[in-house]
C-alpha atoms as a PDB file:
ATOM      1  CA  MET A   1       8.762   9.826 -16.255  1.00  0.00           C
ATOM      2  CA  ARG A   2      11.580   7.911 -14.571  1.00  0.00           C
ATOM      3  CA  TYR A   3      11.005   7.143 -10.901  1.00  0.00           C
ATOM      4  CA  GLU A   4      13.990   6.404  -8.659  1.00  0.00           C
ATOM      5  CA  SER A   5      14.292   5.340  -5.033  1.00  0.00           C
ATOM      6  CA  ARG A   6      17.152   4.328  -2.726  1.00  0.00           C
ATOM      7  CA  GLU A   7      15.023   1.491  -1.302  1.00  0.00           C
ATOM      8  CA  LYS A   8      11.870  -0.359  -2.232  1.00  0.00           C
ATOM      9  CA  PRO A   9       9.055   2.168  -1.996  1.00  0.00           C
ATOM     10  CA  GLU A  10       6.097   1.224   0.148  1.00  0.00           C
ATOM     11  CA  LEU A  11       3.686   2.955  -2.243  1.00  0.00           C
ATOM     12  CA  CYS A  12       3.790   3.305  -6.019  1.00  0.00           C
ATOM     13  CA  PRO A  13       4.917   6.839  -6.920  1.00  0.00           C
ATOM     14  CA  ASN A  14       2.446   6.882  -9.810  1.00  0.00           C
ATOM     15  CA  CYS A  15      -0.831   5.386  -8.541  1.00  0.00           C
ATOM     16  CA  GLY A  16      -0.175   5.493  -4.785  1.00  0.00           C
ATOM     17  CA  LEU A  17      -1.126   1.862  -4.189  1.00  0.00           C
ATOM     18  CA  LYS A  18       0.803  -0.565  -2.013  1.00  0.00           C
ATOM     19  CA  ARG A  19       1.581  -3.136  -4.733  1.00  0.00           C
ATOM     20  CA  VAL A  20       5.259  -2.575  -5.492  1.00  0.00           C
ATOM     21  CA  ALA A  21       7.111  -5.808  -6.227  1.00  0.00           C
ATOM     22  CA  ALA A  22      10.780  -6.632  -6.739  1.00  0.00           C
ATOM     23  CA  ILE A  23      11.599  -7.562 -10.328  1.00  0.00           C
ATOM     24  CA  GLN A  24      13.270 -10.928 -10.826  1.00  0.00           C
ATOM     25  CA  TRP A  25      15.307 -11.101 -14.026  1.00  0.00           C
ATOM     26  CA  GLY A  26      16.440 -14.246 -15.827  1.00  0.00           C
ATOM     27  CA  THR A  27      14.858 -17.634 -16.303  1.00  0.00           C
ATOM     28  CA  PRO A  28      13.078 -18.488 -13.063  1.00  0.00           C
ATOM     29  CA  GLN A  29      13.073 -21.825 -11.280  1.00  0.00           C
ATOM     30  CA  PHE A  30       9.352 -22.267 -10.715  1.00  0.00           C
ATOM     31  CA  ASP A  31       8.621 -23.747  -7.319  1.00  0.00           C
ATOM     32  CA  ASP A  32       6.053 -23.233  -4.560  1.00  0.00           C
ATOM     33  CA  GLN A  33       8.073 -20.426  -2.980  1.00  0.00           C
ATOM     34  CA  LEU A  34       8.234 -18.453  -6.252  1.00  0.00           C
ATOM     35  CA  TYR A  35       4.526 -19.009  -6.937  1.00  0.00           C
ATOM     36  CA  ARG A  36       3.673 -17.676  -3.450  1.00  0.00           C
ATOM     37  CA  ALA A  37       5.932 -14.636  -3.909  1.00  0.00           C
ATOM     38  CA  ILE A  38       4.340 -13.808  -7.269  1.00  0.00           C
ATOM     39  CA  SER A  39       0.790 -14.443  -6.009  1.00  0.00           C
ATOM     40  CA  SER A  40       1.313 -12.203  -2.989  1.00  0.00           C
ATOM     41  CA  GLY A  41       2.776  -9.390  -5.107  1.00  0.00           C
ATOM     42  CA  ARG A  42       6.266  -9.485  -3.586  1.00  0.00           C
ATOM     43  CA  ILE A  43       7.935 -10.481  -6.876  1.00  0.00           C
ATOM     44  CA  THR A  44       7.170  -9.920 -10.534  1.00  0.00           C
ATOM     45  CA  LEU A  45       9.041 -11.481 -13.449  1.00  0.00           C
ATOM     46  CA  GLY A  46      11.038  -9.091 -15.628  1.00  0.00           C
ATOM     47  CA  GLY A  47      12.022 -11.373 -18.462  1.00  0.00           C
ATOM     48  CA  ALA A  48      14.807 -13.708 -19.470  1.00  0.00           C
ATOM     49  CA  THR A  49      17.177 -10.956 -20.595  1.00  0.00           C
ATOM     50  CA  LYS A  50      18.164  -8.227 -18.169  1.00  0.00           C
ATOM     51  CA  PRO A  51      18.500  -4.821 -19.875  1.00  0.00           C
ATOM     52  CA  ASP A  52      21.569  -2.610 -19.445  1.00  0.00           C
ATOM     53  CA  ASP A  53      19.703  -0.243 -17.096  1.00  0.00           C
ATOM     54  CA  PRO A  54      17.036  -2.424 -15.514  1.00  0.00           C
ATOM     55  CA  PRO A  55      14.324  -1.221 -13.157  1.00  0.00           C
ATOM     56  CA  THR A  56      14.471  -2.803  -9.700  1.00  0.00           C
ATOM     57  CA  TRP A  57      10.799  -2.647  -8.707  1.00  0.00           C
ATOM     58  CA  LYS A  58       7.461  -2.509 -10.506  1.00  0.00           C
ATOM     59  CA  CYS A  59       3.923  -1.663  -9.468  1.00  0.00           C
ATOM     60  CA  THR A  60       1.770  -4.726 -10.133  1.00  0.00           C
ATOM     61  CA  ILE A  61      -1.310  -2.526 -10.628  1.00  0.00           C
ATOM     62  CA  CYS A  62      -0.245   0.267 -13.016  1.00  0.00           C
ATOM     63  CA  ASN A  63       3.059  -1.298 -14.243  1.00  0.00           C
ATOM     64  CA  THR A  64       5.145   1.726 -13.242  1.00  0.00           C
ATOM     65  CA  GLU A  65       8.834   0.806 -13.144  1.00  0.00           C
ATOM     66  CA  ILE A  66      11.056   2.158 -10.368  1.00  0.00           C
ATOM     67  CA  TYR A  67      14.823   2.298 -10.630  1.00  0.00           C
ATOM     68  CA  GLU A  68      17.281   2.066  -7.782  1.00  0.00           C
ATOM     69  CA  ALA A  69      18.799   5.514  -7.250  1.00  0.00           C
ATOM     70  CA  LYS A  70      22.542   5.581  -7.822  1.00  0.00           C
ATOM     71  CA  ASP A  71      24.911   7.782  -5.855  1.00  0.00           C
ATOM     72  CA  LYS A  72      26.255  10.574  -8.021  1.00  0.00           C
ATOM     73  CA  GLY A  73      29.892  11.329  -7.833  1.00  0.00           C
END
């Protein structure tokens, strides 16, 4: 199932937990700020190559991906 949202959801639409993180694509510059963001669950790494239709957020518990809803029209 594809989940979409206009903004970062507070709760995961699949498991209902409050562990939805923004996905950072590309090769990260590891520093203390990034380590803190990953450790706290605010950011998760998506990989070096960004897909054509990438998810924007991901639940760090159940790995559900959430896509930013696009306006139709």
